[in-house]
Amino acid sequence: MEEILSSIKRIIAEEGDTPGRSRRPSRATSAPVDLDPAYFDGDHDDDEILELSDPMPDRTPRPPKSPVLNAADTPPEPRHAAPQMAPQMTSPKPAPSAKPQPATDAAAEPIVSRHTAAATRAPLEALTRMMVKPETGNDGTLEGLVREMLRPMLREWIDANLPNMVEDMVSREIAKIMNQQT
């Protein structure tokens, strides 16, 4: 499940990085479409039905490739970079300088591995899926009356003790993990 979500996120990020796809030209800025009157005569072939989910062909003119740059001169793209918005106007990019770029791979990688994140996420998701069935206290039984009387006392006790309990449990688990690593 986690791998599927990460692959979907990666595909979305890759689609967001491609120029021309992130922003459609507005109707006011696009060139007028010159339609042929023969198109409306019914002589054209309507066998192919386009779906709304089909991508439109990219009709924006692409700038010519610079003969100065080649694949060896371009800096590698970071693996975990967030998608960036495409600039509104495309302009030729200057040649990269000879200065060495600082290593961002170590800073871009998450501090927790995927395995560890998945292992900690599963119990937390199980905890959030647990549903406490709300009981109605107005049923007139002794159990309902006791439940209604205990509700404010229970809320007060939880408000006073739950934060400390969670903090203690988390610190014990962190200490346990740290002792296993050493």
N, C-alpha and C. Protein backbone atom coordinates (compact mmCIF):
# COMPACT_ATOMS: atom_id res chain seq x y z
N MET A 1 0.83 -1.19 0.00
CA MET A 1 0.00 0.00 0.00
C MET A 1 0.87 1.25 0.00
N GLU A 2 1.89 1.24 0.87
CA GLU A 2 2.79 2.39 0.97
C GLU A 2 3.56 2.57 -0.34
N GLU A 3 3.95 1.47 -0.97
CA GLU A 3 4.69 1.57 -2.22
C GLU A 3 3.81 2.13 -3.33
N ILE A 4 2.55 1.76 -3.33
CA ILE A 4 1.63 2.27 -4.34
C ILE A 4 1.46 3.78 -4.18
N LEU A 5 1.26 4.22 -2.93
CA LEU A 5 1.11 5.66 -2.69
C LEU A 5 2.37 6.43 -3.06
N SER A 6 3.53 5.87 -2.74
CA SER A 6 4.77 6.58 -3.07
C SER A 6 4.98 6.63 -4.57
N SER A 7 4.60 5.56 -5.30
CA SER A 7 4.76 5.60 -6.75
C SER A 7 3.79 6.60 -7.38
N ILE A 8 2.59 6.71 -6.82
CA ILE A 8 1.64 7.71 -7.33
C ILE A 8 2.17 9.11 -7.09
N LYS A 9 2.71 9.35 -5.89
CA LYS A 9 3.28 10.66 -5.59
C LYS A 9 4.46 10.97 -6.50
N ARG A 10 5.29 9.96 -6.78
CA ARG A 10 6.44 10.17 -7.65
C ARG A 10 5.98 10.51 -9.07
N ILE A 11 4.94 9.82 -9.56
CA ILE A 11 4.43 10.10 -10.91
C ILE A 11 3.86 11.50 -10.98
N ILE A 12 3.13 11.90 -9.95
CA ILE A 12 2.57 13.26 -9.93
C ILE A 12 3.68 14.29 -9.89
N ALA A 13 4.73 14.02 -9.11
CA ALA A 13 5.85 14.95 -9.03
C ALA A 13 6.57 15.03 -10.36
N GLU A 14 6.72 13.91 -11.06
CA GLU A 14 7.38 13.92 -12.36
C GLU A 14 6.54 14.67 -13.38
N GLU A 15 5.23 14.50 -13.34
CA GLU A 15 4.37 15.23 -14.27
C GLU A 15 4.39 16.72 -13.98
N GLY A 16 4.53 17.08 -12.70
CA GLY A 16 4.58 18.49 -12.33
C GLY A 16 5.87 19.15 -12.76
N ASP A 17 6.96 18.35 -12.93
CA ASP A 17 8.25 18.90 -13.33
C ASP A 17 8.34 19.17 -14.82
N THR A 18 7.49 18.55 -15.64
CA THR A 18 7.58 18.73 -17.07
C THR A 18 7.03 20.09 -17.45
N PRO A 19 7.79 20.87 -18.26
CA PRO A 19 7.31 22.19 -18.64
C PRO A 19 6.13 22.08 -19.60
N GLY A 20 5.21 23.01 -19.51
CA GLY A 20 4.09 23.04 -20.42
C GLY A 20 2.88 22.28 -19.91
N ARG A 21 3.04 21.39 -18.98
CA ARG A 21 1.91 20.62 -18.48
C ARG A 21 1.30 21.24 -17.24
N SER A 22 2.07 22.00 -16.51
CA SER A 22 1.57 22.50 -15.23
C SER A 22 0.61 23.66 -15.40
N ARG A 23 0.65 24.33 -16.50
CA ARG A 23 -0.20 25.51 -16.66
C ARG A 23 -0.72 25.54 -18.09
N ARG A 24 -2.02 25.61 -18.25
CA ARG A 24 -2.61 25.73 -19.57
C ARG A 24 -2.71 27.19 -19.94
N PRO A 25 -2.49 27.53 -21.19
CA PRO A 25 -2.65 28.93 -21.58
C PRO A 25 -4.13 29.31 -21.50
N SER A 26 -4.37 30.54 -21.08
CA SER A 26 -5.75 30.99 -20.98
C SER A 26 -6.31 31.25 -22.36
N ARG A 27 -7.61 31.31 -22.45
CA ARG A 27 -8.28 31.49 -23.73
C ARG A 27 -7.94 32.86 -24.34
N ALA A 28 -7.75 33.85 -23.48
CA ALA A 28 -7.47 35.20 -23.98
C ALA A 28 -6.06 35.29 -24.56
N THR A 29 -5.12 34.52 -24.07
CA THR A 29 -3.75 34.63 -24.54
C THR A 29 -3.44 33.64 -25.65
N SER A 30 -4.32 32.68 -25.93
CA SER A 30 -4.02 31.71 -26.96
C SER A 30 -4.34 32.30 -28.33
N ALA A 31 -3.71 31.74 -29.34
CA ALA A 31 -3.92 32.21 -30.69
C ALA A 31 -5.32 31.79 -31.16
N PRO A 32 -5.97 32.59 -32.01
CA PRO A 32 -7.30 32.22 -32.49
C PRO A 32 -7.22 30.94 -33.33
N VAL A 33 -8.23 30.12 -33.20
CA VAL A 33 -8.27 28.86 -33.93
C VAL A 33 -8.96 29.10 -35.26
N ASP A 34 -8.32 28.65 -36.33
CA ASP A 34 -8.86 28.83 -37.66
C ASP A 34 -9.56 27.53 -38.05
N LEU A 35 -10.90 27.53 -38.04
CA LEU A 35 -11.66 26.33 -38.35
C LEU A 35 -12.04 26.31 -39.82
N ASP A 36 -11.94 25.15 -40.40
CA ASP A 36 -12.31 24.95 -41.79
C ASP A 36 -13.81 24.70 -41.86
N PRO A 37 -14.56 25.39 -42.71
CA PRO A 37 -16.01 25.15 -42.80
C PRO A 37 -16.34 23.71 -43.19
N ALA A 38 -15.44 23.02 -43.86
CA ALA A 38 -15.69 21.64 -44.25
C ALA A 38 -15.76 20.73 -43.04
N TYR A 39 -15.21 21.17 -41.94
CA TYR A 39 -15.24 20.37 -40.70
C TYR A 39 -16.68 20.17 -40.23
N PHE A 40 -17.52 21.16 -40.44
CA PHE A 40 -18.90 21.10 -39.98
C PHE A 40 -19.84 20.43 -40.98
N ASP A 41 -19.33 20.03 -42.15
CA ASP A 41 -20.17 19.39 -43.16
C ASP A 41 -20.43 17.92 -42.84
N GLY A 42 -19.71 17.34 -41.91
CA GLY A 42 -19.90 15.94 -41.57
C GLY A 42 -19.00 15.02 -42.37
N ASP A 43 -18.03 15.57 -43.12
CA ASP A 43 -17.14 14.74 -43.92
C ASP A 43 -15.99 14.15 -43.11
N HIS A 44 -15.79 14.60 -41.89
CA HIS A 44 -14.67 14.12 -41.08
C HIS A 44 -15.06 12.84 -40.35
N ASP A 45 -14.07 12.14 -39.86
CA ASP A 45 -14.26 10.84 -39.22
C ASP A 45 -14.42 11.03 -37.71
N ASP A 46 -15.57 10.65 -37.14
CA ASP A 46 -15.85 10.80 -35.71
C ASP A 46 -15.78 9.47 -34.97
N ASP A 47 -14.99 8.53 -35.45
CA ASP A 47 -14.93 7.22 -34.81
C ASP A 47 -14.28 7.29 -33.44
N GLU A 48 -13.33 8.17 -33.25
CA GLU A 48 -12.62 8.25 -31.98
C GLU A 48 -13.32 9.25 -31.06
N ILE A 49 -13.72 8.76 -29.89
CA ILE A 49 -14.37 9.61 -28.89
C ILE A 49 -13.34 9.94 -27.84
N LEU A 50 -13.13 11.21 -27.60
CA LEU A 50 -12.15 11.63 -26.62
C LEU A 50 -12.80 11.70 -25.25
N GLU A 51 -12.11 11.19 -24.26
CA GLU A 51 -12.57 11.25 -22.88
C GLU A 51 -12.03 12.52 -22.23
N LEU A 52 -12.69 12.97 -21.18
CA LEU A 52 -12.22 14.15 -20.48
C LEU A 52 -10.90 13.90 -19.77
N SER A 53 -10.61 12.64 -19.48
CA SER A 53 -9.36 12.33 -18.79
C SER A 53 -8.18 12.22 -19.74
N ASP A 54 -8.42 12.20 -21.06
CA ASP A 54 -7.32 12.12 -22.02
C ASP A 54 -6.54 13.42 -22.01
N PRO A 55 -5.21 13.35 -22.01
CA PRO A 55 -4.42 14.59 -22.02
C PRO A 55 -4.50 15.27 -23.38
N MET A 56 -4.53 16.57 -23.35
CA MET A 56 -4.54 17.35 -24.58
C MET A 56 -3.12 17.41 -25.13
N PRO A 57 -2.97 17.40 -26.45
CA PRO A 57 -1.62 17.52 -27.00
C PRO A 57 -1.05 18.89 -26.68
N ASP A 58 0.24 18.92 -26.43
CA ASP A 58 0.92 20.16 -26.07
C ASP A 58 1.15 20.96 -27.34
N ARG A 59 0.51 22.13 -27.45
CA ARG A 59 0.62 22.95 -28.66
C ARG A 59 1.50 24.17 -28.46
N THR A 60 2.14 24.28 -27.32
CA THR A 60 3.01 25.43 -27.08
C THR A 60 4.32 25.20 -27.81
N PRO A 61 4.86 26.24 -28.46
CA PRO A 61 6.14 26.07 -29.15
C PRO A 61 7.25 25.87 -28.13
N ARG A 62 8.11 24.95 -28.44
CA ARG A 62 9.23 24.66 -27.55
C ARG A 62 10.46 25.45 -28.02
N PRO A 63 11.23 25.98 -27.06
CA PRO A 63 12.42 26.72 -27.45
C PRO A 63 13.45 25.75 -28.04
N PRO A 64 14.23 26.22 -29.01
CA PRO A 64 15.24 25.33 -29.59
C PRO A 64 16.29 24.99 -28.55
N LYS A 65 16.82 23.78 -28.68
CA LYS A 65 17.85 23.34 -27.73
C LYS A 65 19.15 24.09 -28.01
N SER A 66 19.80 24.47 -26.94
CA SER A 66 21.04 25.21 -27.06
C SER A 66 22.16 24.24 -27.42
N PRO A 67 22.96 24.55 -28.44
CA PRO A 67 24.05 23.64 -28.80
C PRO A 67 25.18 23.67 -27.78
N VAL A 68 25.21 24.66 -26.89
CA VAL A 68 26.28 24.78 -25.91
C VAL A 68 26.12 23.75 -24.80
N LEU A 69 24.90 23.50 -24.38
CA LEU A 69 24.66 22.57 -23.27
C LEU A 69 24.53 21.15 -23.79
N ASN A 70 25.06 20.23 -23.03
CA ASN A 70 24.83 18.82 -23.31
C ASN A 70 24.51 18.12 -22.00
N ALA A 71 24.28 16.85 -22.05
CA ALA A 71 23.83 16.12 -20.86
C ALA A 71 24.89 16.13 -19.75
N ALA A 72 26.15 16.19 -20.10
CA ALA A 72 27.21 16.17 -19.09
C ALA A 72 27.29 17.50 -18.34
N ASP A 73 26.85 18.60 -18.98
CA ASP A 73 26.94 19.92 -18.35
C ASP A 73 25.77 20.22 -17.41
N THR A 74 24.64 19.55 -17.61
CA THR A 74 23.48 19.87 -16.78
C THR A 74 23.61 19.19 -15.43
N PRO A 75 23.26 19.90 -14.36
CA PRO A 75 23.35 19.30 -13.02
C PRO A 75 22.25 18.25 -12.85
N PRO A 76 22.54 17.19 -12.10
CA PRO A 76 21.51 16.16 -11.90
C PRO A 76 20.38 16.70 -11.05
N GLU A 77 19.16 16.21 -11.34
CA GLU A 77 18.01 16.65 -10.57
C GLU A 77 17.98 15.90 -9.25
N PRO A 78 17.61 16.57 -8.16
CA PRO A 78 17.51 15.87 -6.88
C PRO A 78 16.39 14.82 -6.94
N ARG A 79 16.60 13.70 -6.23
CA ARG A 79 15.64 12.61 -6.30
C ARG A 79 14.36 12.92 -5.56
N HIS A 80 14.43 13.65 -4.47
CA HIS A 80 13.26 13.87 -3.63
C HIS A 80 12.84 15.33 -3.62
N ALA A 81 13.07 16.04 -4.71
CA ALA A 81 12.74 17.46 -4.72
C ALA A 81 11.24 17.64 -4.88
N ALA A 82 10.72 18.69 -4.28
CA ALA A 82 9.31 19.01 -4.40
C ALA A 82 9.06 19.58 -5.78
N PRO A 83 7.90 19.32 -6.37
CA PRO A 83 7.62 19.87 -7.69
C PRO A 83 7.56 21.39 -7.64
N GLN A 84 8.11 22.00 -8.68
CA GLN A 84 8.15 23.44 -8.74
C GLN A 84 7.19 23.91 -9.82
N MET A 85 6.68 25.11 -9.64
CA MET A 85 5.78 25.68 -10.63
C MET A 85 6.61 26.08 -11.86
N ALA A 86 6.04 25.87 -13.02
CA ALA A 86 6.72 26.24 -14.25
C ALA A 86 6.71 27.76 -14.38
N PRO A 87 7.80 28.35 -14.86
CA PRO A 87 7.81 29.81 -15.03
C PRO A 87 6.82 30.20 -16.11
N GLN A 88 6.30 31.43 -16.01
CA GLN A 88 5.31 31.87 -16.98
C GLN A 88 5.95 32.13 -18.34
N MET A 89 7.11 32.68 -18.35
CA MET A 89 7.80 32.94 -19.61
C MET A 89 9.06 32.09 -19.64
N THR A 90 9.28 31.41 -20.75
CA THR A 90 10.48 30.60 -20.87
C THR A 90 11.58 31.46 -21.46
N SER A 91 12.72 31.41 -20.85
CA SER A 91 13.87 32.15 -21.35
C SER A 91 15.06 31.20 -21.38
N PRO A 92 16.01 31.44 -22.25
CA PRO A 92 17.17 30.56 -22.29
C PRO A 92 17.93 30.62 -20.97
N LYS A 93 18.31 29.47 -20.48
CA LYS A 93 19.02 29.40 -19.20
C LYS A 93 20.52 29.59 -19.44
N PRO A 94 21.19 30.31 -18.56
CA PRO A 94 22.63 30.47 -18.72
C PRO A 94 23.33 29.14 -18.45
N ALA A 95 24.51 29.03 -19.02
CA ALA A 95 25.29 27.81 -18.83
C ALA A 95 25.65 27.68 -17.36
N PRO A 96 25.63 26.47 -16.81
CA PRO A 96 25.97 26.30 -15.40
C PRO A 96 27.43 26.67 -15.15
N SER A 97 27.65 27.28 -13.99
CA SER A 97 29.00 27.71 -13.66
C SER A 97 29.84 26.51 -13.24
N ALA A 98 31.13 26.71 -13.17
CA ALA A 98 32.05 25.63 -12.82
C ALA A 98 32.14 25.41 -11.33
N LYS A 99 31.42 26.22 -10.52
CA LYS A 99 31.47 26.06 -9.07
C LYS A 99 30.81 24.74 -8.68
N PRO A 100 31.40 24.03 -7.74
CA PRO A 100 30.78 22.78 -7.32
C PRO A 100 29.51 23.06 -6.52
N GLN A 101 28.47 22.27 -6.79
CA GLN A 101 27.21 22.42 -6.09
C GLN A 101 27.29 21.67 -4.76
N PRO A 102 26.73 22.22 -3.68
CA PRO A 102 26.74 21.50 -2.40
C PRO A 102 25.86 20.26 -2.51
N ALA A 103 26.25 19.21 -1.82
CA ALA A 103 25.51 17.95 -1.86
C ALA A 103 24.20 18.11 -1.12
N THR A 104 23.08 17.96 -1.83
CA THR A 104 21.77 18.10 -1.21
C THR A 104 21.09 16.75 -1.04
N ASP A 105 21.70 15.67 -1.53
CA ASP A 105 21.07 14.36 -1.41
C ASP A 105 20.90 13.95 0.04
N ALA A 106 21.90 14.21 0.89
CA ALA A 106 21.81 13.81 2.29
C ALA A 106 20.75 14.62 3.01
N ALA A 107 20.62 15.90 2.67
CA ALA A 107 19.63 16.74 3.33
C ALA A 107 18.22 16.45 2.83
N ALA A 108 18.09 15.99 1.58
CA ALA A 108 16.78 15.74 1.01
C ALA A 108 16.20 14.41 1.48
N GLU A 109 17.04 13.47 1.88
CA GLU A 109 16.54 12.18 2.32
C GLU A 109 15.89 12.31 3.69
N PRO A 110 14.79 11.62 3.90
CA PRO A 110 14.15 11.69 5.22
C PRO A 110 15.02 11.02 6.27
N ILE A 111 14.86 11.44 7.50
CA ILE A 111 15.66 10.91 8.59
C ILE A 111 15.22 9.50 8.97
N VAL A 112 13.98 9.16 8.65
CA VAL A 112 13.44 7.84 8.98
C VAL A 112 13.31 7.04 7.69
N SER A 113 13.76 5.79 7.71
CA SER A 113 13.66 4.96 6.51
C SER A 113 12.21 4.58 6.26
N ARG A 114 11.94 4.10 5.05
CA ARG A 114 10.58 3.71 4.71
C ARG A 114 10.09 2.57 5.60
N HIS A 115 10.97 1.64 5.88
CA HIS A 115 10.60 0.49 6.72
C HIS A 115 10.19 0.96 8.11
N THR A 116 10.97 1.87 8.69
CA THR A 116 10.66 2.38 10.02
C THR A 116 9.37 3.18 10.01
N ALA A 117 9.18 3.99 8.99
CA ALA A 117 7.95 4.78 8.89
C ALA A 117 6.73 3.87 8.77
N ALA A 118 6.86 2.82 7.96
CA ALA A 118 5.74 1.89 7.81
C ALA A 118 5.47 1.13 9.10
N ALA A 119 6.54 0.77 9.81
CA ALA A 119 6.36 0.03 11.07
C ALA A 119 5.70 0.89 12.13
N THR A 120 5.97 2.17 12.14
CA THR A 120 5.35 3.05 13.14
C THR A 120 3.97 3.52 12.70
N ARG A 121 3.75 3.57 11.40
CA ARG A 121 2.47 4.05 10.90
C ARG A 121 1.36 3.03 11.15
N ALA A 122 1.66 1.74 11.02
CA ALA A 122 0.63 0.71 11.15
C ALA A 122 -0.05 0.73 12.52
N PRO A 123 0.68 0.76 13.64
CA PRO A 123 -0.03 0.81 14.93
C PRO A 123 -0.82 2.11 15.13
N LEU A 124 -0.30 3.21 14.61
CA LEU A 124 -1.03 4.47 14.75
C LEU A 124 -2.32 4.46 13.93
N GLU A 125 -2.26 3.85 12.73
CA GLU A 125 -3.47 3.75 11.93
C GLU A 125 -4.49 2.83 12.59
N ALA A 126 -4.00 1.74 13.21
CA ALA A 126 -4.91 0.84 13.93
C ALA A 126 -5.57 1.57 15.09
N LEU A 127 -4.83 2.42 15.75
CA LEU A 127 -5.38 3.19 16.86
C LEU A 127 -6.45 4.17 16.37
N THR A 128 -6.22 4.79 15.24
CA THR A 128 -7.21 5.74 14.73
C THR A 128 -8.45 5.05 14.19
N ARG A 129 -8.31 3.79 13.75
CA ARG A 129 -9.47 3.06 13.26
C ARG A 129 -10.38 2.57 14.38
N MET A 130 -9.83 2.49 15.58
CA MET A 130 -10.67 2.04 16.69
C MET A 130 -11.79 3.04 16.91
N MET A 131 -12.98 2.54 16.95
CA MET A 131 -14.14 3.40 17.15
C MET A 131 -14.72 3.13 18.52
N VAL A 132 -14.92 4.17 19.25
CA VAL A 132 -15.61 4.05 20.52
C VAL A 132 -17.08 4.34 20.23
N LYS A 133 -17.89 3.36 20.51
CA LYS A 133 -19.32 3.50 20.23
C LYS A 133 -19.93 4.49 21.22
N PRO A 134 -20.50 5.57 20.71
CA PRO A 134 -21.11 6.52 21.64
C PRO A 134 -22.36 5.91 22.26
N GLU A 135 -22.41 5.97 23.55
CA GLU A 135 -23.55 5.43 24.29
C GLU A 135 -24.48 6.59 24.64
N THR A 136 -25.73 6.33 24.54
CA THR A 136 -26.69 7.36 24.93
C THR A 136 -26.98 7.22 26.41
N GLY A 137 -26.92 8.30 27.14
CA GLY A 137 -27.12 8.27 28.58
C GLY A 137 -28.56 8.51 28.98
N ASN A 138 -29.37 8.83 28.02
CA ASN A 138 -30.76 9.15 28.34
C ASN A 138 -31.67 7.93 28.17
N ASP A 139 -31.12 6.74 28.36
CA ASP A 139 -31.96 5.57 28.19
C ASP A 139 -32.73 5.21 29.46
N GLY A 140 -32.46 5.88 30.56
CA GLY A 140 -33.22 5.68 31.79
C GLY A 140 -32.78 4.51 32.63
N THR A 141 -31.75 3.77 32.20
CA THR A 141 -31.28 2.65 33.00
C THR A 141 -30.24 3.14 33.99
N LEU A 142 -29.95 2.30 34.95
CA LEU A 142 -28.93 2.63 35.94
C LEU A 142 -27.57 2.79 35.26
N GLU A 143 -27.30 1.92 34.29
CA GLU A 143 -26.03 1.99 33.56
C GLU A 143 -25.90 3.34 32.83
N GLY A 144 -26.96 3.79 32.19
CA GLY A 144 -26.95 5.07 31.49
C GLY A 144 -26.75 6.24 32.43
N LEU A 145 -27.40 6.19 33.58
CA LEU A 145 -27.25 7.27 34.55
C LEU A 145 -25.84 7.33 35.11
N VAL A 146 -25.25 6.16 35.41
CA VAL A 146 -23.87 6.11 35.91
C VAL A 146 -22.91 6.62 34.84
N ARG A 147 -23.15 6.23 33.60
CA ARG A 147 -22.29 6.68 32.50
C ARG A 147 -22.31 8.19 32.38
N GLU A 148 -23.47 8.79 32.46
CA GLU A 148 -23.58 10.25 32.38
C GLU A 148 -22.92 10.93 33.57
N MET A 149 -22.99 10.33 34.74
CA MET A 149 -22.35 10.93 35.92
C MET A 149 -20.84 10.79 35.85
N LEU A 150 -20.35 9.70 35.27
CA LEU A 150 -18.90 9.48 35.20
C LEU A 150 -18.23 10.26 34.06
N ARG A 151 -18.98 10.63 33.05
CA ARG A 151 -18.41 11.31 31.88
C ARG A 151 -17.61 12.56 32.27
N PRO A 152 -18.11 13.50 33.06
CA PRO A 152 -17.31 14.68 33.41
C PRO A 152 -16.07 14.32 34.24
N MET A 153 -16.21 13.36 35.15
CA MET A 153 -15.05 12.96 35.96
C MET A 153 -13.99 12.29 35.09
N LEU A 154 -14.42 11.46 34.15
CA LEU A 154 -13.48 10.79 33.25
C LEU A 154 -12.78 11.81 32.36
N ARG A 155 -13.53 12.77 31.85
CA ARG A 155 -12.93 13.82 31.00
C ARG A 155 -11.88 14.60 31.78
N GLU A 156 -12.17 14.94 33.02
CA GLU A 156 -11.22 15.68 33.85
C GLU A 156 -9.96 14.86 34.10
N TRP A 157 -10.12 13.56 34.41
CA TRP A 157 -8.96 12.70 34.66
C TRP A 157 -8.12 12.56 33.40
N ILE A 158 -8.77 12.37 32.24
CA ILE A 158 -8.04 12.23 30.97
C ILE A 158 -7.28 13.52 30.67
N ASP A 159 -7.92 14.66 30.84
CA ASP A 159 -7.25 15.94 30.58
C ASP A 159 -6.03 16.13 31.47
N ALA A 160 -6.11 15.65 32.71
CA ALA A 160 -5.00 15.83 33.65
C ALA A 160 -3.89 14.82 33.42
N ASN A 161 -4.19 13.60 33.03
CA ASN A 161 -3.19 12.53 33.02
C ASN A 161 -2.75 12.05 31.64
N LEU A 162 -3.56 12.20 30.61
CA LEU A 162 -3.21 11.65 29.31
C LEU A 162 -1.93 12.24 28.71
N PRO A 163 -1.73 13.57 28.73
CA PRO A 163 -0.48 14.09 28.15
C PRO A 163 0.77 13.51 28.81
N ASN A 164 0.77 13.39 30.13
CA ASN A 164 1.94 12.83 30.82
C ASN A 164 2.12 11.36 30.49
N MET A 165 1.01 10.61 30.39
CA MET A 165 1.10 9.19 30.05
C MET A 165 1.69 9.00 28.66
N VAL A 166 1.22 9.79 27.70
CA VAL A 166 1.73 9.68 26.34
C VAL A 166 3.20 10.05 26.29
N GLU A 167 3.58 11.12 26.97
CA GLU A 167 4.98 11.55 26.99
C GLU A 167 5.87 10.46 27.59
N ASP A 168 5.43 9.85 28.69
CA ASP A 168 6.21 8.78 29.32
C ASP A 168 6.35 7.57 28.39
N MET A 169 5.25 7.19 27.74
CA MET A 169 5.29 6.04 26.84
C MET A 169 6.22 6.30 25.66
N VAL A 170 6.14 7.48 25.10
CA VAL A 170 6.99 7.82 23.95
C VAL A 170 8.45 7.84 24.37
N SER A 171 8.76 8.43 25.53
CA SER A 171 10.17 8.49 25.97
C SER A 171 10.69 7.09 26.27
N ARG A 172 9.85 6.20 26.83
CA ARG A 172 10.29 4.82 27.06
C ARG A 172 10.58 4.11 25.75
N GLU A 173 9.73 4.30 24.76
CA GLU A 173 9.95 3.65 23.47
C GLU A 173 11.20 4.20 22.79
N ILE A 174 11.42 5.49 22.88
CA ILE A 174 12.63 6.08 22.29
C ILE A 174 13.87 5.54 22.98
N ALA A 175 13.83 5.45 24.31
CA ALA A 175 14.97 4.89 25.05
C ALA A 175 15.20 3.44 24.66
N LYS A 176 14.13 2.69 24.46
CA LYS A 176 14.25 1.29 24.06
C LYS A 176 14.90 1.18 22.68
N ILE A 177 14.49 2.05 21.76
CA ILE A 177 15.07 2.05 20.41
C ILE A 177 16.53 2.45 20.46
N MET A 178 16.85 3.46 21.26
CA MET A 178 18.24 3.92 21.37
C MET A 178 19.12 2.83 21.98
N ASN A 179 18.63 2.09 22.96
CA ASN A 179 19.40 1.00 23.57
C ASN A 179 19.62 -0.14 22.58
N GLN A 180 18.70 -0.37 21.67
CA GLN A 180 18.85 -1.42 20.68
C GLN A 180 19.89 -1.04 19.64
N GLN A 181 20.03 0.24 19.35
CA GLN A 181 20.99 0.69 18.35
C GLN A 181 22.42 0.65 18.86
N THR A 182 22.62 0.82 20.17
CA THR A 182 23.99 0.84 20.70
C THR A 182 24.47 -0.52 21.05
